[in-house]
């Protein structure tokens, strides 16, 4: 099983690794800092280098319980020692964006008790769907102002990995309308924005809300009777 360095250290940009298997046209490493994607956050990009060559990482996916790195070019043999390097600018922008989405989620839950029904993100922009019956410009302006106050509050962001039974003692741990955690998972990773939000999450985040920077709600749309979509943008 690959040691997933991103789960406990989102700021890790480079790492040593060894190829332990070939699977599904890609390589499995003994450790990685590449996030494979999930929870609306895209997978990381970057490269692996070793044996006098460099392989761009074009994609990642879990296959048969293993984290597979898809590479551009002939695969390095099993046993090859490599150094991984993330596309850090892209990763850090995704970290800022993901934390921004949690701030948005936390504000909407705290102030309006609206559940999340979906979401997705790209670097510096994202969208999130909530169970609102109505959405108007005045409400959007209130939400945007509240989110930016939480960014400016410089709240710490903390990650923990808890036993499943302990994690599910936390009220409102699952913010999505449907619990997407598989029944077989024995440990649950949580992300806490101290004083605002605490939920189960597998993605990468900044360490403090001030790193998110100014956020604006670029648009909003109705996607159903009680489903409203909010689009957010961050400054570069």
Protein backbone atom coordinates (compact mmCIF):
# COMPACT_ATOMS: atom_id res chain seq x y z
CA UNK A 1 0.00 0.00 0.00
CA UNK A 2 1.38 3.41 -0.98
CA UNK A 3 2.18 5.80 1.87
CA UNK A 4 0.08 8.86 1.03
CA UNK A 5 2.22 11.78 2.18
CA UNK A 6 -0.36 14.38 1.17
CA UNK A 7 -2.74 13.17 3.91
CA UNK A 8 -0.60 14.60 6.69
CA UNK A 9 1.67 17.11 4.89
CA UNK A 10 -0.04 19.06 2.11
CA UNK A 11 3.07 21.27 1.69
CA UNK A 12 5.37 18.42 0.66
CA UNK A 13 6.56 19.28 -2.86
CA UNK A 14 9.26 16.65 -3.49
CA UNK A 15 9.73 13.11 -2.22
CA UNK A 16 11.85 9.98 -2.76
CA UNK A 17 10.06 6.82 -3.86
CA UNK A 18 10.57 3.40 -5.38
CA UNK A 19 8.54 1.68 -8.07
CA UNK A 20 6.90 -1.35 -6.44
CA UNK A 21 4.58 -2.51 -9.24
CA UNK A 22 3.20 -1.92 -12.72
CA UNK A 23 -0.59 -1.82 -12.85
CA UNK A 24 -3.17 -0.71 -15.42
CA UNK A 25 -0.50 0.89 -17.60
CA UNK A 26 1.01 2.92 -14.79
CA UNK A 27 3.32 2.58 -11.78
CA UNK A 28 2.64 2.02 -8.10
CA UNK A 29 5.09 3.73 -5.71
CA UNK A 30 5.90 2.93 -2.11
CA UNK A 31 5.10 6.56 -1.20
CA UNK A 32 3.71 9.61 -2.95
CA UNK A 33 2.84 13.27 -2.43
CA UNK A 34 0.58 13.30 -5.53
CA UNK A 35 -3.10 13.67 -4.65
CA UNK A 36 -5.11 11.22 -6.79
CA UNK A 37 -8.24 13.35 -7.01
CA UNK A 38 -11.54 13.05 -5.19
CA UNK A 39 -14.12 15.10 -3.34
CA UNK A 40 -14.28 17.53 -6.25
CA UNK A 41 -10.52 18.23 -6.16
CA UNK A 42 -8.62 17.25 -9.35
CA UNK A 43 -5.53 15.06 -9.26
CA UNK A 44 -2.07 16.59 -9.06
CA UNK A 45 0.39 16.88 -11.92
CA UNK A 46 4.19 17.02 -11.95
CA UNK A 47 6.94 14.55 -12.77
CA UNK A 48 9.02 11.63 -11.56
CA UNK A 49 12.76 11.55 -12.20
CA UNK A 50 15.42 8.84 -11.90
CA UNK A 51 17.87 6.68 -13.84
CA UNK A 52 18.75 9.68 -15.98
CA UNK A 53 15.16 10.22 -17.17
CA UNK A 54 12.12 12.30 -16.34
CA UNK A 55 8.52 11.11 -16.67
CA UNK A 56 5.63 13.63 -16.62
CA UNK A 57 2.79 12.43 -14.38
CA UNK A 58 -0.32 12.71 -16.54
CA UNK A 59 -2.89 11.20 -14.19
CA UNK A 60 -3.56 9.19 -11.03
CA UNK A 61 -6.26 6.70 -10.13
CA UNK A 62 -6.98 4.03 -7.54
CA UNK A 63 -7.04 0.59 -9.17
CA UNK A 64 -7.60 -2.62 -7.19
CA UNK A 65 -6.92 -0.67 -4.02
CA UNK A 66 -3.59 0.64 -5.33
CA UNK A 67 -2.71 4.24 -6.23
CA UNK A 68 -1.53 4.18 -9.85
CA UNK A 69 0.58 6.98 -11.38
CA UNK A 70 0.17 7.28 -15.15
CA UNK A 71 3.32 8.47 -16.92
CA UNK A 72 4.20 9.86 -20.31
CA UNK A 73 6.66 7.38 -21.83
CA UNK A 74 7.95 3.88 -21.22
CA UNK A 75 7.51 2.93 -17.57
CA UNK A 76 10.53 2.75 -15.23
CA UNK A 77 11.21 -0.85 -14.13
CA UNK A 78 10.03 -2.17 -10.78
CA UNK A 79 12.64 -1.33 -8.16
CA UNK A 80 13.71 1.96 -9.77
CA UNK A 81 14.40 4.71 -7.20
CA UNK A 82 12.74 7.97 -8.21
CA UNK A 83 12.23 11.53 -7.01
CA UNK A 84 8.76 13.00 -7.34
CA UNK A 85 8.13 16.70 -7.95
CA UNK A 86 4.69 18.29 -7.81
CA UNK A 87 3.52 21.09 -10.05
CA UNK A 88 3.46 23.22 -6.92
CA UNK A 89 1.83 26.37 -8.29
CA UNK A 90 -1.17 24.33 -9.44
CA UNK A 91 -1.34 22.27 -6.22
CA UNK A 92 -1.16 25.33 -3.97
CA UNK A 93 -3.92 27.05 -5.93
CA UNK A 94 -6.05 23.94 -5.49
CA UNK A 95 -5.29 23.93 -1.75
CA UNK A 96 -6.42 27.54 -1.47
CA UNK A 97 -9.54 26.76 -3.50
CA UNK A 98 -10.44 23.66 -1.49
CA UNK A 99 -10.12 25.53 1.80
CA UNK A 100 -12.24 28.33 0.34
CA UNK A 101 -14.96 25.80 -0.44
CA UNK A 102 -14.87 24.57 3.17
CA UNK A 103 -15.16 28.14 4.43
CA UNK A 104 -18.17 28.63 2.15
CA UNK A 105 -19.67 25.36 3.36
CA UNK A 106 -19.04 26.27 7.00
CA UNK A 107 -20.61 29.72 6.66
CA UNK A 108 -23.68 28.42 4.85
CA UNK A 109 -24.17 25.62 7.40
CA UNK A 110 -23.64 27.91 10.40
CA UNK A 111 -25.82 30.75 9.19
CA UNK A 112 -28.49 28.98 7.11
CA UNK A 113 -28.29 25.24 8.01
CA UNK A 114 -28.18 24.36 4.30
CA UNK A 115 -26.64 21.01 3.32
CA UNK A 116 -24.23 20.55 0.42
CA UNK A 117 -25.61 18.60 -2.55
CA UNK A 118 -22.54 18.72 -4.81
CA UNK A 119 -19.41 20.56 -5.78
CA UNK A 120 -16.36 20.73 -8.00
CA UNK A 121 -13.23 22.86 -8.35
CA UNK A 122 -10.36 23.91 -10.56
CA UNK A 123 -7.40 26.05 -9.52
CA UNK A 124 -8.77 29.35 -8.12
CA UNK A 125 -12.39 28.66 -9.01
CA UNK A 126 -15.13 26.28 -7.96
CA UNK A 127 -18.83 25.72 -7.55
CA UNK A 128 -20.90 24.31 -4.72
CA UNK A 129 -24.56 23.30 -4.63
CA UNK A 130 -26.71 23.81 -1.53
CA UNK A 131 -30.21 22.97 -0.37
CA UNK A 132 -31.67 26.46 -0.68
CA UNK A 133 -35.26 26.97 -1.79
CA UNK A 134 -34.56 30.54 -2.90
CA UNK A 135 -31.42 32.47 -3.80
CA UNK A 136 -31.25 36.21 -4.33
CA UNK A 137 -28.52 38.82 -4.80
CA UNK A 138 -28.84 40.15 -1.25
CA UNK A 139 -28.31 36.66 0.20
CA UNK A 140 -25.32 36.07 -2.08
CA UNK A 141 -23.76 39.35 -0.93
CA UNK A 142 -24.27 38.34 2.72
CA UNK A 143 -22.59 35.00 2.13
CA UNK A 144 -19.66 36.54 0.25
CA UNK A 145 -19.05 39.09 3.02
CA UNK A 146 -19.23 36.40 5.72
CA UNK A 147 -16.79 34.16 3.85
CA UNK A 148 -14.27 36.97 3.45
CA UNK A 149 -14.54 37.78 7.16
CA UNK A 150 -13.59 34.17 7.93
CA UNK A 151 -10.65 34.38 5.51
CA UNK A 152 -9.44 37.55 7.26
CA UNK A 153 -9.92 35.92 10.70
CA UNK A 154 -6.79 33.81 9.99
CA UNK A 155 -8.30 30.64 11.41
CA UNK A 156 -5.96 27.64 11.68
CA UNK A 157 -6.80 24.61 9.53
CA UNK A 158 -6.10 21.26 11.20
CA UNK A 159 -6.07 17.73 9.82
CA UNK A 160 -6.63 14.58 11.89
CA UNK A 161 -7.07 10.89 11.12
CA UNK A 162 -9.51 9.26 13.54
CA UNK A 163 -10.92 5.77 14.10
CA UNK A 164 -14.25 5.52 12.28
CA UNK A 165 -16.30 5.05 15.46
CA UNK A 166 -14.68 8.08 17.10
CA UNK A 167 -15.10 10.24 14.02
CA UNK A 168 -18.80 9.51 13.74
CA UNK A 169 -19.36 10.78 17.27
CA UNK A 170 -18.70 14.27 15.84
CA UNK A 171 -22.02 16.05 15.09
CA UNK A 172 -22.59 17.00 11.45
CA UNK A 173 -19.30 15.42 10.33
CA UNK A 174 -20.75 14.62 6.90
CA UNK A 175 -21.86 17.85 5.23
CA UNK A 176 -22.94 16.36 1.94
CA UNK A 177 -26.58 15.36 1.57
CA UNK A 178 -25.48 11.77 0.97
CA UNK A 179 -22.79 10.05 3.08
CA UNK A 180 -20.13 9.13 0.50
CA UNK A 181 -17.78 7.34 2.90
CA UNK A 182 -17.57 3.61 2.09
CA UNK A 183 -18.66 1.31 4.91
CA UNK A 184 -15.32 -0.55 4.89
CA UNK A 185 -13.17 2.48 5.81
CA UNK A 186 -11.81 2.04 9.35
CA UNK A 187 -10.24 5.49 9.67
CA UNK A 188 -11.71 8.86 8.77
CA UNK A 189 -9.64 11.90 7.87
CA UNK A 190 -11.11 15.15 9.15
CA UNK A 191 -10.36 18.76 8.25
CA UNK A 192 -11.15 21.43 10.82
CA UNK A 193 -11.26 25.17 10.29
CA UNK A 194 -10.95 26.05 13.94
CA UNK A 195 -14.05 27.79 15.22
CA UNK A 196 -15.97 27.44 11.96
CA UNK A 197 -16.09 24.03 10.31
CA UNK A 198 -15.24 20.38 10.93
CA UNK A 199 -15.97 17.66 8.40
CA UNK A 200 -14.70 14.46 6.83
CA UNK A 201 -12.48 15.21 3.85
CA UNK A 202 -9.64 13.60 1.91
CA UNK A 203 -8.23 16.58 0.02
CA UNK A 204 -5.36 19.01 0.54
CA UNK A 205 -5.72 22.36 2.31
CA UNK A 206 -3.76 25.41 3.35
CA UNK A 207 -2.76 25.74 7.01
CA UNK A 208 -4.58 29.02 7.69
CA UNK A 209 -7.61 30.69 6.14
CA UNK A 210 -5.65 33.88 5.43
CA UNK A 211 -3.76 31.95 2.72
CA UNK A 212 -7.00 31.67 0.73
CA UNK A 213 -7.01 35.39 -0.04
CA UNK A 214 -9.98 37.47 -1.18
CA UNK A 215 -12.90 35.50 -2.60
CA UNK A 216 -15.83 36.63 -4.69
CA UNK A 217 -19.03 34.90 -5.64
CA UNK A 218 -18.94 35.21 -9.41
CA UNK A 219 -22.42 33.84 -10.13
CA UNK A 220 -25.30 31.78 -8.78
CA UNK A 221 -27.96 29.66 -10.46
CA UNK A 222 -30.99 27.57 -9.63
CA UNK A 223 -30.40 23.90 -10.38
CA UNK A 224 -33.74 22.69 -9.04
CA UNK A 225 -36.54 23.45 -6.59
CA UNK A 226 -34.26 23.23 -3.54
CA UNK A 227 -30.85 23.13 -5.22
CA UNK A 228 -28.93 26.35 -5.77
CA UNK A 229 -25.41 26.60 -7.21
CA UNK A 230 -22.82 29.17 -6.09
CA UNK A 231 -19.72 29.87 -8.20
CA UNK A 232 -16.63 31.28 -6.47
CA UNK A 233 -13.38 32.79 -7.73
CA UNK A 234 -10.12 33.54 -5.90
CA UNK A 235 -7.46 36.09 -6.74
CA UNK A 236 -4.20 34.71 -8.27
